[in-house]
Amino acid sequence: MLLAGRLLGLSGAEAGRRADELLAAFDLQGAADKLITSYSSGMKQKVRICCALIGSPSVLLLDEPFEALDIAASAVLSEIVRRLAAAGAAVLLASHDLRLVEKLATHYAILQAGRLQETADMASLGAGEGVCADRPRLEQRFWEVTGAPVIPELAWLKPACV
């Protein structure tokens, strides 16, 4: 994290201060002096996120940032994303977790096979209605745009809402 901060133009003292704050925020203080190769996948993900955040970016690109994070770290990251966006930063979040995207995003884009299918404001989704009203609105829209997956019939399972 210190190296990332220094490469982004922070002084050593400022990089150290921010690194300490990020270590505390993501509950990594006890592992700060250990080799990253000894970290769990969740801890490594936290370090990657901290390195992305240490420079206080005005543009932040996050690809599956919640993967391998525990619930506490997910809550911390969600709040940081909200604060950055509220402060005017542009945050682009790529995720397969549409429930999470629906909670954090103001706009969405749906990609299928690497091609952009739709972009819109989250408000355009309206209220959750229809056959699967308990399913998040963005997930419903995703299936409308891309087509629902073919789920094999399994005699021992009752049909699910798709």
N, C-alpha and C. Protein backbone atom coordinates (compact mmCIF):
# COMPACT_ATOMS: atom_id res chain seq x y z
N MET A 1 0.82 -1.19 0.00
CA MET A 1 0.00 0.00 0.00
C MET A 1 0.87 1.25 0.00
N LEU A 2 1.95 1.20 0.77
CA LEU A 2 2.85 2.36 0.80
C LEU A 2 3.42 2.63 -0.59
N LEU A 3 3.83 1.59 -1.27
CA LEU A 3 4.38 1.74 -2.61
C LEU A 3 3.32 2.34 -3.54
N ALA A 4 2.10 1.83 -3.47
CA ALA A 4 1.03 2.35 -4.32
C ALA A 4 0.82 3.83 -4.03
N GLY A 5 0.79 4.19 -2.76
CA GLY A 5 0.61 5.60 -2.39
C GLY A 5 1.74 6.48 -2.90
N ARG A 6 2.96 6.00 -2.75
CA ARG A 6 4.13 6.78 -3.22
C ARG A 6 4.10 6.92 -4.75
N LEU A 7 3.75 5.84 -5.47
CA LEU A 7 3.66 5.90 -6.93
C LEU A 7 2.57 6.87 -7.39
N LEU A 8 1.58 7.06 -6.55
CA LEU A 8 0.50 8.00 -6.87
C LEU A 8 0.83 9.42 -6.45
N GLY A 9 2.05 9.65 -5.95
CA GLY A 9 2.49 11.00 -5.63
C GLY A 9 2.29 11.44 -4.20
N LEU A 10 1.89 10.53 -3.32
CA LEU A 10 1.73 10.90 -1.91
C LEU A 10 3.09 10.94 -1.23
N SER A 11 3.23 11.80 -0.24
CA SER A 11 4.46 11.80 0.56
C SER A 11 4.50 10.51 1.36
N GLY A 12 5.67 10.16 1.86
CA GLY A 12 5.79 8.95 2.67
C GLY A 12 4.89 9.01 3.89
N ALA A 13 4.84 10.17 4.53
CA ALA A 13 4.02 10.32 5.73
C ALA A 13 2.53 10.18 5.40
N GLU A 14 2.10 10.81 4.31
CA GLU A 14 0.68 10.73 3.93
C GLU A 14 0.31 9.33 3.48
N ALA A 15 1.19 8.68 2.74
CA ALA A 15 0.94 7.29 2.32
C ALA A 15 0.83 6.39 3.54
N GLY A 16 1.70 6.59 4.52
CA GLY A 16 1.67 5.81 5.75
C GLY A 16 0.39 6.04 6.54
N ARG A 17 -0.03 7.29 6.64
CA ARG A 17 -1.26 7.62 7.37
C ARG A 17 -2.47 6.97 6.71
N ARG A 18 -2.55 7.10 5.39
CA ARG A 18 -3.68 6.51 4.66
C ARG A 18 -3.65 4.98 4.72
N ALA A 19 -2.46 4.41 4.61
CA ALA A 19 -2.34 2.95 4.70
C ALA A 19 -2.82 2.46 6.06
N ASP A 20 -2.42 3.16 7.12
CA ASP A 20 -2.86 2.78 8.47
C ASP A 20 -4.38 2.85 8.58
N GLU A 21 -4.98 3.91 8.02
CA GLU A 21 -6.44 4.05 8.07
C GLU A 21 -7.12 2.93 7.29
N LEU A 22 -6.58 2.60 6.13
CA LEU A 22 -7.16 1.53 5.32
C LEU A 22 -6.98 0.16 5.98
N LEU A 23 -5.81 -0.06 6.57
CA LEU A 23 -5.58 -1.32 7.29
C LEU A 23 -6.61 -1.48 8.41
N ALA A 24 -6.88 -0.40 9.13
CA ALA A 24 -7.87 -0.45 10.21
C ALA A 24 -9.27 -0.66 9.65
N ALA A 25 -9.60 0.06 8.59
CA ALA A 25 -10.94 -0.04 8.00
C ALA A 25 -11.25 -1.45 7.54
N PHE A 26 -10.25 -2.12 6.98
CA PHE A 26 -10.45 -3.47 6.45
C PHE A 26 -9.92 -4.57 7.38
N ASP A 27 -9.65 -4.20 8.64
CA ASP A 27 -9.26 -5.15 9.67
C ASP A 27 -8.03 -5.98 9.26
N LEU A 28 -7.02 -5.27 8.78
CA LEU A 28 -5.78 -5.93 8.35
C LEU A 28 -4.58 -5.55 9.22
N GLN A 29 -4.79 -4.81 10.31
CA GLN A 29 -3.65 -4.33 11.10
C GLN A 29 -2.75 -5.48 11.58
N GLY A 30 -3.32 -6.58 12.00
CA GLY A 30 -2.54 -7.70 12.51
C GLY A 30 -1.69 -8.40 11.46
N ALA A 31 -1.98 -8.15 10.21
CA ALA A 31 -1.25 -8.82 9.13
C ALA A 31 -0.37 -7.85 8.34
N ALA A 32 -0.27 -6.62 8.80
CA ALA A 32 0.44 -5.59 8.04
C ALA A 32 1.90 -5.92 7.77
N ASP A 33 2.55 -6.63 8.67
CA ASP A 33 3.97 -6.93 8.50
C ASP A 33 4.24 -8.33 7.94
N LYS A 34 3.18 -9.02 7.53
CA LYS A 34 3.34 -10.36 6.99
C LYS A 34 3.42 -10.31 5.46
N LEU A 35 4.02 -11.32 4.88
CA LEU A 35 4.09 -11.40 3.42
C LEU A 35 2.70 -11.65 2.86
N ILE A 36 2.39 -10.98 1.77
CA ILE A 36 1.06 -11.12 1.17
C ILE A 36 0.82 -12.55 0.68
N THR A 37 1.88 -13.28 0.42
CA THR A 37 1.70 -14.67 -0.02
C THR A 37 1.08 -15.54 1.07
N SER A 38 1.16 -15.09 2.33
CA SER A 38 0.56 -15.85 3.43
C SER A 38 -0.90 -15.45 3.67
N TYR A 39 -1.38 -14.46 2.95
CA TYR A 39 -2.76 -13.96 3.13
C TYR A 39 -3.78 -14.90 2.49
N SER A 40 -4.98 -14.90 3.04
CA SER A 40 -6.10 -15.62 2.42
C SER A 40 -6.53 -14.84 1.18
N SER A 41 -7.38 -15.44 0.36
CA SER A 41 -7.85 -14.73 -0.84
C SER A 41 -8.64 -13.48 -0.46
N GLY A 42 -9.39 -13.53 0.63
CA GLY A 42 -10.13 -12.35 1.08
C GLY A 42 -9.20 -11.23 1.51
N MET A 43 -8.13 -11.59 2.21
CA MET A 43 -7.16 -10.58 2.64
C MET A 43 -6.44 -9.96 1.44
N LYS A 44 -6.10 -10.79 0.46
CA LYS A 44 -5.46 -10.27 -0.75
C LYS A 44 -6.40 -9.31 -1.48
N GLN A 45 -7.67 -9.64 -1.51
CA GLN A 45 -8.65 -8.76 -2.16
C GLN A 45 -8.72 -7.43 -1.43
N LYS A 46 -8.69 -7.46 -0.11
CA LYS A 46 -8.71 -6.23 0.68
C LYS A 46 -7.50 -5.36 0.35
N VAL A 47 -6.32 -5.97 0.22
CA VAL A 47 -5.11 -5.21 -0.10
C VAL A 47 -5.23 -4.59 -1.49
N ARG A 48 -5.77 -5.34 -2.46
CA ARG A 48 -5.95 -4.77 -3.81
C ARG A 48 -6.88 -3.56 -3.75
N ILE A 49 -7.94 -3.68 -2.99
CA ILE A 49 -8.89 -2.57 -2.85
C ILE A 49 -8.21 -1.38 -2.18
N CYS A 50 -7.47 -1.64 -1.13
CA CYS A 50 -6.76 -0.56 -0.43
C CYS A 50 -5.79 0.16 -1.37
N CYS A 51 -5.09 -0.59 -2.19
CA CYS A 51 -4.16 0.02 -3.15
C CYS A 51 -4.90 0.90 -4.15
N ALA A 52 -6.10 0.49 -4.53
CA ALA A 52 -6.91 1.29 -5.46
C ALA A 52 -7.43 2.55 -4.79
N LEU A 53 -7.66 2.49 -3.49
CA LEU A 53 -8.26 3.61 -2.76
C LEU A 53 -7.25 4.60 -2.20
N ILE A 54 -6.03 4.19 -1.97
CA ILE A 54 -5.08 5.00 -1.22
C ILE A 54 -4.84 6.37 -1.84
N GLY A 55 -4.96 6.47 -3.14
CA GLY A 55 -4.73 7.75 -3.81
C GLY A 55 -5.95 8.65 -3.87
N SER A 56 -7.04 8.26 -3.21
CA SER A 56 -8.29 9.03 -3.22
C SER A 56 -8.69 9.35 -4.67
N PRO A 57 -8.99 8.30 -5.44
CA PRO A 57 -9.21 8.47 -6.88
C PRO A 57 -10.48 9.26 -7.23
N SER A 58 -10.41 9.99 -8.31
CA SER A 58 -11.60 10.67 -8.83
C SER A 58 -12.33 9.76 -9.81
N VAL A 59 -11.63 8.75 -10.30
CA VAL A 59 -12.22 7.71 -11.14
C VAL A 59 -11.75 6.37 -10.57
N LEU A 60 -12.71 5.50 -10.27
CA LEU A 60 -12.38 4.21 -9.67
C LEU A 60 -13.04 3.11 -10.47
N LEU A 61 -12.23 2.20 -10.99
CA LEU A 61 -12.74 1.05 -11.75
C LEU A 61 -12.57 -0.19 -10.88
N LEU A 62 -13.68 -0.85 -10.57
CA LEU A 62 -13.66 -2.03 -9.71
C LEU A 62 -14.28 -3.20 -10.44
N ASP A 63 -13.51 -4.27 -10.60
CA ASP A 63 -14.00 -5.48 -11.26
C ASP A 63 -14.18 -6.57 -10.20
N GLU A 64 -15.42 -6.92 -9.92
CA GLU A 64 -15.76 -7.92 -8.92
C GLU A 64 -15.06 -7.64 -7.58
N PRO A 65 -15.18 -6.43 -7.06
CA PRO A 65 -14.44 -6.09 -5.84
C PRO A 65 -14.93 -6.81 -4.59
N PHE A 66 -16.15 -7.30 -4.58
CA PHE A 66 -16.69 -7.94 -3.39
C PHE A 66 -16.38 -9.44 -3.33
N GLU A 67 -15.78 -9.95 -4.39
CA GLU A 67 -15.43 -11.38 -4.41
C GLU A 67 -14.44 -11.68 -3.30
N ALA A 68 -14.73 -12.68 -2.51
CA ALA A 68 -13.90 -13.19 -1.41
C ALA A 68 -13.91 -12.30 -0.17
N LEU A 69 -14.66 -11.21 -0.18
CA LEU A 69 -14.72 -10.35 1.01
C LEU A 69 -15.72 -10.89 2.02
N ASP A 70 -15.40 -10.74 3.29
CA ASP A 70 -16.34 -11.10 4.34
C ASP A 70 -17.40 -10.01 4.44
N ILE A 71 -18.42 -10.26 5.23
CA ILE A 71 -19.54 -9.33 5.29
C ILE A 71 -19.14 -7.96 5.83
N ALA A 72 -18.22 -7.92 6.79
CA ALA A 72 -17.78 -6.63 7.34
C ALA A 72 -17.01 -5.83 6.28
N ALA A 73 -16.11 -6.47 5.58
CA ALA A 73 -15.34 -5.78 4.55
C ALA A 73 -16.25 -5.32 3.41
N SER A 74 -17.27 -6.12 3.09
CA SER A 74 -18.23 -5.73 2.06
C SER A 74 -18.98 -4.47 2.47
N ALA A 75 -19.35 -4.40 3.74
CA ALA A 75 -20.05 -3.21 4.24
C ALA A 75 -19.15 -1.99 4.18
N VAL A 76 -17.89 -2.16 4.56
CA VAL A 76 -16.93 -1.05 4.52
C VAL A 76 -16.75 -0.58 3.08
N LEU A 77 -16.54 -1.50 2.16
CA LEU A 77 -16.35 -1.12 0.77
C LEU A 77 -17.59 -0.45 0.20
N SER A 78 -18.76 -0.96 0.52
CA SER A 78 -20.00 -0.33 0.04
C SER A 78 -20.09 1.12 0.50
N GLU A 79 -19.76 1.36 1.75
CA GLU A 79 -19.83 2.73 2.28
C GLU A 79 -18.77 3.62 1.63
N ILE A 80 -17.59 3.09 1.42
CA ILE A 80 -16.54 3.88 0.75
C ILE A 80 -16.97 4.24 -0.67
N VAL A 81 -17.55 3.28 -1.40
CA VAL A 81 -18.03 3.55 -2.76
C VAL A 81 -19.09 4.65 -2.72
N ARG A 82 -20.03 4.56 -1.77
CA ARG A 82 -21.06 5.60 -1.65
C ARG A 82 -20.45 6.97 -1.38
N ARG A 83 -19.48 7.02 -0.47
CA ARG A 83 -18.84 8.30 -0.12
C ARG A 83 -18.06 8.88 -1.30
N LEU A 84 -17.33 8.03 -2.00
CA LEU A 84 -16.59 8.51 -3.17
C LEU A 84 -17.54 9.09 -4.22
N ALA A 85 -18.63 8.36 -4.48
CA ALA A 85 -19.60 8.83 -5.47
C ALA A 85 -20.25 10.13 -5.01
N ALA A 86 -20.58 10.23 -3.72
CA ALA A 86 -21.19 11.45 -3.19
C ALA A 86 -20.24 12.64 -3.29
N ALA A 87 -18.95 12.37 -3.23
CA ALA A 87 -17.94 13.41 -3.34
C ALA A 87 -17.63 13.77 -4.79
N GLY A 88 -18.29 13.09 -5.72
CA GLY A 88 -18.11 13.43 -7.13
C GLY A 88 -17.23 12.49 -7.92
N ALA A 89 -16.73 11.44 -7.30
CA ALA A 89 -15.90 10.48 -8.03
C ALA A 89 -16.78 9.64 -8.95
N ALA A 90 -16.21 9.24 -10.06
CA ALA A 90 -16.89 8.31 -10.96
C ALA A 90 -16.45 6.90 -10.57
N VAL A 91 -17.41 6.06 -10.22
CA VAL A 91 -17.11 4.70 -9.80
C VAL A 91 -17.78 3.75 -10.78
N LEU A 92 -16.97 2.94 -11.45
CA LEU A 92 -17.48 1.92 -12.36
C LEU A 92 -17.28 0.57 -11.68
N LEU A 93 -18.38 -0.10 -11.42
CA LEU A 93 -18.36 -1.36 -10.68
C LEU A 93 -18.87 -2.47 -11.58
N ALA A 94 -18.02 -3.45 -11.85
CA ALA A 94 -18.44 -4.62 -12.62
C ALA A 94 -18.70 -5.74 -11.64
N SER A 95 -19.89 -6.33 -11.72
CA SER A 95 -20.23 -7.39 -10.77
C SER A 95 -21.30 -8.30 -11.33
N HIS A 96 -21.24 -9.56 -10.92
CA HIS A 96 -22.30 -10.51 -11.23
C HIS A 96 -23.37 -10.47 -10.15
N ASP A 97 -23.09 -9.80 -9.04
CA ASP A 97 -24.04 -9.73 -7.92
C ASP A 97 -24.99 -8.55 -8.17
N LEU A 98 -26.09 -8.84 -8.84
CA LEU A 98 -27.01 -7.78 -9.24
C LEU A 98 -27.73 -7.15 -8.05
N ARG A 99 -27.90 -7.89 -6.98
CA ARG A 99 -28.50 -7.31 -5.77
C ARG A 99 -27.61 -6.19 -5.22
N LEU A 100 -26.33 -6.46 -5.20
CA LEU A 100 -25.37 -5.48 -4.73
C LEU A 100 -25.33 -4.26 -5.65
N VAL A 101 -25.31 -4.51 -6.94
CA VAL A 101 -25.29 -3.41 -7.91
C VAL A 101 -26.53 -2.54 -7.73
N GLU A 102 -27.67 -3.18 -7.52
CA GLU A 102 -28.91 -2.43 -7.35
C GLU A 102 -28.84 -1.53 -6.13
N LYS A 103 -28.17 -1.97 -5.08
CA LYS A 103 -28.05 -1.17 -3.86
C LYS A 103 -27.09 0.01 -4.02
N LEU A 104 -26.05 -0.16 -4.84
CA LEU A 104 -25.00 0.85 -4.91
C LEU A 104 -25.06 1.76 -6.13
N ALA A 105 -25.61 1.28 -7.23
CA ALA A 105 -25.49 2.00 -8.50
C ALA A 105 -26.59 3.03 -8.73
N THR A 106 -26.24 4.06 -9.48
CA THR A 106 -27.23 5.03 -9.95
C THR A 106 -27.59 4.75 -11.40
N HIS A 107 -26.69 4.06 -12.12
CA HIS A 107 -26.90 3.69 -13.51
C HIS A 107 -26.38 2.26 -13.69
N TYR A 108 -26.83 1.60 -14.72
CA TYR A 108 -26.35 0.25 -14.98
C TYR A 108 -26.13 0.06 -16.47
N ALA A 109 -25.32 -0.95 -16.77
CA ALA A 109 -25.11 -1.40 -18.14
C ALA A 109 -25.17 -2.93 -18.11
N ILE A 110 -25.83 -3.50 -19.09
CA ILE A 110 -25.91 -4.96 -19.19
C ILE A 110 -25.06 -5.39 -20.37
N LEU A 111 -24.11 -6.28 -20.09
CA LEU A 111 -23.26 -6.84 -21.13
C LEU A 111 -23.64 -8.30 -21.33
N GLN A 112 -23.59 -8.74 -22.57
CA GLN A 112 -23.81 -10.15 -22.88
C GLN A 112 -22.78 -10.55 -23.92
N ALA A 113 -22.01 -11.56 -23.61
CA ALA A 113 -20.96 -12.03 -24.52
C ALA A 113 -20.04 -10.89 -24.93
N GLY A 114 -19.72 -10.02 -23.96
CA GLY A 114 -18.81 -8.91 -24.21
C GLY A 114 -19.40 -7.75 -24.99
N ARG A 115 -20.68 -7.78 -25.26
CA ARG A 115 -21.33 -6.70 -26.01
C ARG A 115 -22.33 -5.96 -25.12
N LEU A 116 -22.34 -4.65 -25.25
CA LEU A 116 -23.26 -3.82 -24.50
C LEU A 116 -24.67 -4.00 -25.03
N GLN A 117 -25.57 -4.40 -24.16
CA GLN A 117 -26.96 -4.63 -24.55
C GLN A 117 -27.88 -3.48 -24.15
N GLU A 118 -27.58 -2.87 -22.99
CA GLU A 118 -28.47 -1.81 -22.50
C GLU A 118 -27.76 -1.00 -21.44
N THR A 119 -28.03 0.29 -21.42
CA THR A 119 -27.61 1.17 -20.33
C THR A 119 -28.82 1.99 -19.93
N ALA A 120 -28.92 2.27 -18.65
CA ALA A 120 -30.05 3.08 -18.17
C ALA A 120 -29.80 3.54 -16.75
N ASP A 121 -30.61 4.48 -16.34
CA ASP A 121 -30.64 4.96 -14.97
C ASP A 121 -31.36 3.91 -14.13
N MET A 122 -30.91 3.66 -12.92
CA MET A 122 -31.57 2.67 -12.06
C MET A 122 -33.04 3.02 -11.84
N ALA A 123 -33.37 4.31 -11.83
CA ALA A 123 -34.76 4.73 -11.60
C ALA A 123 -35.68 4.23 -12.71
N SER A 124 -35.12 3.96 -13.89
CA SER A 124 -35.93 3.50 -15.02
C SER A 124 -36.49 2.09 -14.79
N LEU A 125 -35.97 1.39 -13.81
CA LEU A 125 -36.43 0.03 -13.55
C LEU A 125 -37.81 0.00 -12.90
N GLY A 126 -38.21 1.10 -12.28
CA GLY A 126 -39.52 1.15 -11.65
C GLY A 126 -39.60 0.25 -10.43
N ALA A 127 -40.82 0.00 -9.99
CA ALA A 127 -41.04 -0.83 -8.80
C ALA A 127 -40.97 -2.31 -9.18
N GLY A 128 -40.57 -3.14 -8.24
CA GLY A 128 -40.51 -4.58 -8.47
C GLY A 128 -41.90 -5.16 -8.66
N GLU A 129 -42.18 -5.63 -9.85
CA GLU A 129 -43.50 -6.20 -10.16
C GLU A 129 -43.31 -7.46 -10.98
N GLY A 130 -44.39 -8.16 -11.24
CA GLY A 130 -44.33 -9.31 -12.13
C GLY A 130 -44.27 -10.63 -11.40
N VAL A 131 -43.99 -11.65 -12.18
CA VAL A 131 -44.01 -13.02 -11.68
C VAL A 131 -43.01 -13.22 -10.54
N CYS A 132 -41.88 -12.61 -10.65
CA CYS A 132 -40.82 -12.79 -9.65
C CYS A 132 -40.62 -11.49 -8.87
N ALA A 133 -41.68 -10.96 -8.31
CA ALA A 133 -41.63 -9.67 -7.63
C ALA A 133 -40.64 -9.66 -6.47
N ASP A 134 -40.31 -10.84 -5.92
CA ASP A 134 -39.35 -10.88 -4.82
C ASP A 134 -37.91 -10.77 -5.33
N ARG A 135 -37.71 -10.91 -6.61
CA ARG A 135 -36.39 -10.81 -7.21
C ARG A 135 -36.06 -9.34 -7.44
N PRO A 136 -34.81 -8.93 -7.23
CA PRO A 136 -34.44 -7.54 -7.47
C PRO A 136 -34.78 -7.09 -8.90
N ARG A 137 -35.14 -5.83 -9.03
CA ARG A 137 -35.58 -5.29 -10.32
C ARG A 137 -34.49 -5.42 -11.38
N LEU A 138 -33.24 -5.18 -11.01
CA LEU A 138 -32.16 -5.26 -12.00
C LEU A 138 -32.00 -6.69 -12.51
N GLU A 139 -32.16 -7.65 -11.63
CA GLU A 139 -32.07 -9.04 -12.07
C GLU A 139 -33.21 -9.37 -13.04
N GLN A 140 -34.40 -8.90 -12.75
CA GLN A 140 -35.51 -9.13 -13.67
C GLN A 140 -35.20 -8.52 -15.04
N ARG A 141 -34.68 -7.30 -15.02
CA ARG A 141 -34.36 -6.62 -16.29
C ARG A 141 -33.26 -7.37 -17.02
N PHE A 142 -32.27 -7.85 -16.30
CA PHE A 142 -31.18 -8.61 -16.91
C PHE A 142 -31.73 -9.80 -17.70
N TRP A 143 -32.65 -10.57 -17.08
CA TRP A 143 -33.20 -11.74 -17.77
C TRP A 143 -34.07 -11.33 -18.94
N GLU A 144 -34.75 -10.21 -18.86
CA GLU A 144 -35.54 -9.73 -19.99
C GLU A 144 -34.65 -9.39 -21.18
N VAL A 145 -33.50 -8.79 -20.91
CA VAL A 145 -32.59 -8.36 -21.97
C VAL A 145 -31.81 -9.54 -22.55
N THR A 146 -31.32 -10.42 -21.68
CA THR A 146 -30.42 -11.48 -22.15
C THR A 146 -31.12 -12.81 -22.40
N GLY A 147 -32.32 -12.95 -21.88
CA GLY A 147 -33.01 -14.24 -21.97
C GLY A 147 -32.67 -15.09 -20.77
N ALA A 148 -33.67 -15.69 -20.20
CA ALA A 148 -33.47 -16.52 -19.03
C ALA A 148 -32.67 -17.77 -19.39
N PRO A 149 -31.88 -18.27 -18.46
CA PRO A 149 -31.11 -19.48 -18.75
C PRO A 149 -32.02 -20.69 -18.86
N VAL A 150 -31.57 -21.65 -19.63
CA VAL A 150 -32.31 -22.91 -19.74
C VAL A 150 -31.90 -23.75 -18.54
N ILE A 151 -32.86 -24.03 -17.72
CA ILE A 151 -32.59 -24.81 -16.52
C ILE A 151 -33.20 -26.19 -16.72
N PRO A 152 -32.38 -27.23 -16.61
CA PRO A 152 -32.90 -28.58 -16.86
C PRO A 152 -33.94 -28.97 -15.82
N GLU A 153 -34.89 -29.75 -16.27
CA GLU A 153 -35.88 -30.26 -15.32
C GLU A 153 -35.23 -31.34 -14.49
N LEU A 154 -35.43 -31.24 -13.21
CA LEU A 154 -34.96 -32.24 -12.28
C LEU A 154 -36.17 -32.68 -11.49
N ALA A 155 -36.59 -33.90 -11.67
CA ALA A 155 -37.83 -34.40 -11.09
C ALA A 155 -37.90 -34.19 -9.59
N TRP A 156 -36.78 -34.19 -8.94
CA TRP A 156 -36.75 -34.09 -7.49
C TRP A 156 -36.77 -32.65 -6.99
N LEU A 157 -36.74 -31.66 -7.91
CA LEU A 157 -36.81 -30.25 -7.53
C LEU A 157 -38.10 -29.64 -8.05
N LYS A 158 -38.68 -28.74 -7.30
CA LYS A 158 -39.85 -28.01 -7.78
C LYS A 158 -39.34 -26.89 -8.67
N PRO A 159 -40.11 -26.50 -9.70
CA PRO A 159 -39.68 -25.42 -10.59
C PRO A 159 -39.47 -24.13 -9.82
N ALA A 160 -38.47 -23.38 -10.22
CA ALA A 160 -38.16 -22.10 -9.60
C ALA A 160 -38.61 -20.97 -10.50
N CYS A 161 -38.73 -19.82 -9.94
CA CYS A 161 -39.09 -18.61 -10.67
C CYS A 161 -37.87 -18.14 -11.46
N VAL A 162 -37.96 -18.01 -12.76
CA VAL A 162 -36.84 -17.52 -13.58
C VAL A 162 -37.35 -16.42 -14.48
